[in-house]
Amino acid sequence: MPRFAYVMRWIAVLPGAILCAILALFPIHWAVMLIKHFWTHVDSDGTITYYNPLAALPAEVLEYFANAFFTPFIIISVGARIAPKFKFQAAIALAVLMGVAYGVVSTFVTSDITSGLYTVGRWVRLGVTVILCIAGVSSGLWSAHSAQKAAYGPPRAG
């Protein structure tokens, strides 16, 4: 690989990963709308029937949870695939950057909690969001590990 392309790929890791995560928000939104449309039925008397538990969630909550999982997954896995070398190490660096960003965001959430703006439902939503973010980061790291193994093959013995 030419040196210019090598350097440009390293420069493109973070912006490319963030751009892909932003672009993925649109299909996530469309998927949520399709779930709500096809897996929900309203009778003439107003009775709502849900054909799937996902359809029973409000659309904004379902989209919020999907974004909580897929955003870190996409940032880490795409960033690792953009990196020309050291794909798993690049994914770890992206995971650390996301951890720092989540730490900054948590200061604002903590200030809302101390001011009494959170109810029990919001606590549950926050807990589920944190669990989904951790699952997304873990899945992204696993995907990056697989990408590195595919790029360089299995490690050789001695």
C-alpha atoms as a PDB file:
ATOM      1  CA  MET A   1       0.000   0.000   0.000  1.00  0.00           C
ATOM      2  CA  PRO A   2       1.426   3.432  -0.879  1.00  0.00           C
ATOM      3  CA  ARG A   3       2.450   5.561   2.095  1.00  0.00           C
ATOM      4  CA  PHE A   4      -0.069   8.328   1.251  1.00  0.00           C
ATOM      5  CA  ALA A   5      -2.978   5.868   1.222  1.00  0.00           C
ATOM      6  CA  TYR A   6      -1.716   4.325   4.466  1.00  0.00           C
ATOM      7  CA  VAL A   7      -1.616   7.703   6.229  1.00  0.00           C
ATOM      8  CA  MET A   8      -4.970   8.794   4.815  1.00  0.00           C
ATOM      9  CA  ARG A   9      -6.644   5.603   6.045  1.00  0.00           C
ATOM     10  CA  TRP A  10      -5.364   6.264   9.555  1.00  0.00           C
ATOM     11  CA  ILE A  11      -6.648   9.829   9.344  1.00  0.00           C
ATOM     12  CA  ALA A  12     -10.036   8.556   8.129  1.00  0.00           C
ATOM     13  CA  VAL A  13     -10.584   6.034  10.952  1.00  0.00           C
ATOM     14  CA  LEU A  14     -12.508   8.234  13.404  1.00  0.00           C
ATOM     15  CA  PRO A  15     -14.355  10.478  10.897  1.00  0.00           C
ATOM     16  CA  GLY A  16     -15.280   7.505   8.714  1.00  0.00           C
ATOM     17  CA  ALA A  17     -16.556   5.503  11.666  1.00  0.00           C
ATOM     18  CA  ILE A  18     -18.648   8.405  12.953  1.00  0.00           C
ATOM     19  CA  LEU A  19     -20.029   9.101   9.469  1.00  0.00           C
ATOM     20  CA  CYS A  20     -21.064   5.465   9.076  1.00  0.00           C
ATOM     21  CA  ALA A  21     -22.770   5.528  12.478  1.00  0.00           C
ATOM     22  CA  ILE A  22     -24.694   8.660  11.496  1.00  0.00           C
ATOM     23  CA  LEU A  23     -25.704   7.103   8.177  1.00  0.00           C
ATOM     24  CA  ALA A  24     -26.878   3.960   9.996  1.00  0.00           C
ATOM     25  CA  LEU A  25     -29.374   5.998  12.025  1.00  0.00           C
ATOM     26  CA  PHE A  26     -31.635   6.275   8.966  1.00  0.00           C
ATOM     27  CA  PRO A  27     -32.056   2.519   8.341  1.00  0.00           C
ATOM     28  CA  ILE A  28     -32.548   2.013  12.087  1.00  0.00           C
ATOM     29  CA  HIS A  29     -35.376   4.543  12.020  1.00  0.00           C
ATOM     30  CA  TRP A  30     -36.910   2.883   8.970  1.00  0.00           C
ATOM     31  CA  ALA A  31     -36.673  -0.558  10.608  1.00  0.00           C
ATOM     32  CA  VAL A  32     -38.464   0.755  13.698  1.00  0.00           C
ATOM     33  CA  MET A  33     -41.221   2.250  11.564  1.00  0.00           C
ATOM     34  CA  LEU A  34     -41.607  -1.028   9.644  1.00  0.00           C
ATOM     35  CA  ILE A  35     -41.789  -2.963  12.918  1.00  0.00           C
ATOM     36  CA  LYS A  36     -44.504  -0.639  14.191  1.00  0.00           C
ATOM     37  CA  HIS A  37     -46.389  -0.821  10.878  1.00  0.00           C
ATOM     38  CA  PHE A  38     -46.288  -4.547  10.137  1.00  0.00           C
ATOM     39  CA  TRP A  39     -46.315  -6.025  13.642  1.00  0.00           C
ATOM     40  CA  THR A  40     -49.190  -3.954  15.020  1.00  0.00           C
ATOM     41  CA  HIS A  41     -52.858  -4.285  14.160  1.00  0.00           C
ATOM     42  CA  VAL A  42     -55.649  -1.940  15.258  1.00  0.00           C
ATOM     43  CA  ASP A  43     -59.188  -3.332  15.119  1.00  0.00           C
ATOM     44  CA  SER A  44     -62.183  -1.218  14.182  1.00  0.00           C
ATOM     45  CA  ASP A  45     -63.120  -0.926  17.861  1.00  0.00           C
ATOM     46  CA  GLY A  46     -59.668   0.461  18.721  1.00  0.00           C
ATOM     47  CA  THR A  47     -58.135  -2.707  20.163  1.00  0.00           C
ATOM     48  CA  ILE A  48     -54.399  -2.875  19.485  1.00  0.00           C
ATOM     49  CA  THR A  49     -52.831  -6.283  18.829  1.00  0.00           C
ATOM     50  CA  TYR A  50     -49.048  -6.663  18.860  1.00  0.00           C
ATOM     51  CA  TYR A  51     -47.612  -9.552  16.873  1.00  0.00           C
ATOM     52  CA  ASN A  52     -44.160  -9.151  18.401  1.00  0.00           C
ATOM     53  CA  PRO A  53     -42.942  -7.833  21.786  1.00  0.00           C
ATOM     54  CA  LEU A  54     -40.806  -5.240  19.985  1.00  0.00           C
ATOM     55  CA  ALA A  55     -43.925  -3.690  18.491  1.00  0.00           C
ATOM     56  CA  ALA A  56     -45.357  -3.169  21.980  1.00  0.00           C
ATOM     57  CA  LEU A  57     -42.595  -0.680  22.817  1.00  0.00           C
ATOM     58  CA  PRO A  58     -43.163   2.954  21.857  1.00  0.00           C
ATOM     59  CA  ALA A  59     -41.378   3.803  18.611  1.00  0.00           C
ATOM     60  CA  GLU A  60     -39.094   6.385  20.207  1.00  0.00           C
ATOM     61  CA  VAL A  61     -37.981   3.966  22.924  1.00  0.00           C
ATOM     62  CA  LEU A  62     -37.361   1.177  20.415  1.00  0.00           C
ATOM     63  CA  GLU A  63     -35.324   3.516  18.230  1.00  0.00           C
ATOM     64  CA  TYR A  64     -33.427   4.825  21.268  1.00  0.00           C
ATOM     65  CA  PHE A  65     -32.502   1.278  22.316  1.00  0.00           C
ATOM     66  CA  ALA A  66     -31.495   0.292  18.778  1.00  0.00           C
ATOM     67  CA  ASN A  67     -29.286   3.374  18.524  1.00  0.00           C
ATOM     68  CA  ALA A  68     -27.738   2.562  21.912  1.00  0.00           C
ATOM     69  CA  PHE A  69     -26.608  -0.840  20.623  1.00  0.00           C
ATOM     70  CA  PHE A  70     -25.776  -0.159  16.980  1.00  0.00           C
ATOM     71  CA  THR A  71     -23.948   3.171  17.306  1.00  0.00           C
ATOM     72  CA  PRO A  72     -20.989   1.853  19.353  1.00  0.00           C
ATOM     73  CA  PHE A  73     -21.006  -1.386  17.363  1.00  0.00           C
ATOM     74  CA  ILE A  74     -20.758   0.463  14.046  1.00  0.00           C
ATOM     75  CA  ILE A  75     -18.170   2.986  15.224  1.00  0.00           C
ATOM     76  CA  ILE A  76     -15.847   0.279  16.527  1.00  0.00           C
ATOM     77  CA  SER A  77     -16.290  -2.302  13.775  1.00  0.00           C
ATOM     78  CA  VAL A  78     -16.144   0.178  10.876  1.00  0.00           C
ATOM     79  CA  GLY A  79     -13.228   2.055  12.410  1.00  0.00           C
ATOM     80  CA  ALA A  80     -11.332  -1.224  12.701  1.00  0.00           C
ATOM     81  CA  ARG A  81     -12.045  -2.084   9.083  1.00  0.00           C
ATOM     82  CA  ILE A  82     -10.876   1.328   7.886  1.00  0.00           C
ATOM     83  CA  ALA A  83      -7.603   1.046   9.805  1.00  0.00           C
ATOM     84  CA  PRO A  84      -4.879  -0.269   7.491  1.00  0.00           C
ATOM     85  CA  LYS A  85      -3.065  -2.194  10.262  1.00  0.00           C
ATOM     86  CA  PHE A  86      -3.511  -3.014  13.919  1.00  0.00           C
ATOM     87  CA  LYS A  87      -7.265  -3.316  13.512  1.00  0.00           C
ATOM     88  CA  PHE A  88      -7.979  -4.713  16.981  1.00  0.00           C
ATOM     89  CA  GLN A  89      -5.771  -2.100  18.646  1.00  0.00           C
ATOM     90  CA  ALA A  90      -7.584   0.635  16.718  1.00  0.00           C
ATOM     91  CA  ALA A  91     -10.893  -0.807  17.915  1.00  0.00           C
ATOM     92  CA  ILE A  92      -9.677  -0.736  21.509  1.00  0.00           C
ATOM     93  CA  ALA A  93      -8.640   2.917  21.061  1.00  0.00           C
ATOM     94  CA  LEU A  94     -12.096   3.735  19.671  1.00  0.00           C
ATOM     95  CA  ALA A  95     -13.729   1.910  22.592  1.00  0.00           C
ATOM     96  CA  VAL A  96     -11.650   3.963  25.032  1.00  0.00           C
ATOM     97  CA  LEU A  97     -12.622   7.182  23.228  1.00  0.00           C
ATOM     98  CA  MET A  98     -16.265   6.180  23.446  1.00  0.00           C
ATOM     99  CA  GLY A  99     -15.814   5.429  27.147  1.00  0.00           C
ATOM    100  CA  VAL A 100     -14.461   8.935  27.664  1.00  0.00           C
ATOM    101  CA  ALA A 101     -17.376  10.401  25.694  1.00  0.00           C
ATOM    102  CA  TYR A 102     -19.847   8.366  27.765  1.00  0.00           C
ATOM    103  CA  GLY A 103     -18.120   9.632  30.905  1.00  0.00           C
ATOM    104  CA  VAL A 104     -18.612  13.231  29.806  1.00  0.00           C
ATOM    105  CA  VAL A 105     -22.255  12.582  28.970  1.00  0.00           C
ATOM    106  CA  SER A 106     -22.786  10.867  32.321  1.00  0.00           C
ATOM    107  CA  THR A 107     -21.876  14.084  34.133  1.00  0.00           C
ATOM    108  CA  PHE A 108     -24.888  15.738  32.549  1.00  0.00           C
ATOM    109  CA  VAL A 109     -27.109  12.769  33.339  1.00  0.00           C
ATOM    110  CA  THR A 110     -25.880  12.822  36.937  1.00  0.00           C
ATOM    111  CA  SER A 111     -26.767  16.482  37.245  1.00  0.00           C
ATOM    112  CA  ASP A 112     -30.302  15.634  36.056  1.00  0.00           C
ATOM    113  CA  ILE A 113     -30.519  12.820  38.590  1.00  0.00           C
ATOM    114  CA  THR A 114     -29.465  15.044  41.477  1.00  0.00           C
ATOM    115  CA  SER A 115     -32.006  17.673  40.471  1.00  0.00           C
ATOM    116  CA  GLY A 116     -34.785  15.061  40.723  1.00  0.00           C
ATOM    117  CA  LEU A 117     -35.722  14.911  37.032  1.00  0.00           C
ATOM    118  CA  TYR A 118     -35.559  11.109  36.825  1.00  0.00           C
ATOM    119  CA  THR A 119     -38.440   8.780  37.592  1.00  0.00           C
ATOM    120  CA  VAL A 120     -38.319   4.997  37.961  1.00  0.00           C
ATOM    121  CA  GLY A 121     -39.130   4.549  34.260  1.00  0.00           C
ATOM    122  CA  ARG A 122     -36.210   6.713  33.284  1.00  0.00           C
ATOM    123  CA  TRP A 123     -33.929   4.731  35.600  1.00  0.00           C
ATOM    124  CA  VAL A 124     -34.953   1.533  33.831  1.00  0.00           C
ATOM    125  CA  ARG A 125     -34.445   3.161  30.438  1.00  0.00           C
ATOM    126  CA  LEU A 126     -31.011   4.383  31.524  1.00  0.00           C
ATOM    127  CA  GLY A 127     -30.065   0.908  32.790  1.00  0.00           C
ATOM    128  CA  VAL A 128     -31.168  -0.789  29.587  1.00  0.00           C
ATOM    129  CA  THR A 129     -29.308   1.824  27.548  1.00  0.00           C
ATOM    130  CA  VAL A 130     -26.073   1.231  29.452  1.00  0.00           C
ATOM    131  CA  ILE A 131     -26.410  -2.546  29.018  1.00  0.00           C
ATOM    132  CA  LEU A 132     -27.046  -2.135  25.276  1.00  0.00           C
ATOM    133  CA  CYS A 133     -24.060   0.218  24.917  1.00  0.00           C
ATOM    134  CA  ILE A 134     -21.803  -2.314  26.645  1.00  0.00           C
ATOM    135  CA  ALA A 135     -23.172  -5.065  24.393  1.00  0.00           C
ATOM    136  CA  GLY A 136     -22.558  -2.872  21.328  1.00  0.00           C
ATOM    137  CA  VAL A 137     -18.976  -2.140  22.357  1.00  0.00           C
ATOM    138  CA  SER A 138     -18.337  -5.834  23.079  1.00  0.00           C
ATOM    139  CA  SER A 139     -19.824  -6.879  19.736  1.00  0.00           C
ATOM    140  CA  GLY A 140     -17.783  -4.229  17.936  1.00  0.00           C
ATOM    141  CA  LEU A 141     -14.583  -5.432  19.594  1.00  0.00           C
ATOM    142  CA  TRP A 142     -15.429  -9.018  18.629  1.00  0.00           C
ATOM    143  CA  SER A 143     -16.055  -7.895  15.052  1.00  0.00           C
ATOM    144  CA  ALA A 144     -12.727  -6.033  15.009  1.00  0.00           C
ATOM    145  CA  HIS A 145     -10.943  -9.093  16.362  1.00  0.00           C
ATOM    146  CA  SER A 146     -12.492 -11.161  13.578  1.00  0.00           C
ATOM    147  CA  ALA A 147     -11.450  -8.546  11.004  1.00  0.00           C
ATOM    148  CA  GLN A 148      -7.864  -8.650  12.241  1.00  0.00           C
ATOM    149  CA  LYS A 149      -7.820 -12.456  12.104  1.00  0.00           C
ATOM    150  CA  ALA A 150      -9.222 -12.325   8.560  1.00  0.00           C
ATOM    151  CA  ALA A 151      -6.646  -9.744   7.486  1.00  0.00           C
ATOM    152  CA  TYR A 152      -3.579 -11.420   8.980  1.00  0.00           C
ATOM    153  CA  GLY A 153      -4.648 -15.028   9.460  1.00  0.00           C
ATOM    154  CA  PRO A 154      -4.360 -17.077  12.621  1.00  0.00           C
ATOM    155  CA  PRO A 155      -1.273 -16.542  14.782  1.00  0.00           C
ATOM    156  CA  ARG A 156       1.643 -18.813  13.952  1.00  0.00           C
ATOM    157  CA  ALA A 157       3.194 -21.008  16.585  1.00  0.00           C
ATOM    158  CA  GLY A 158       6.805 -20.373  17.625  1.00  0.00           C
END
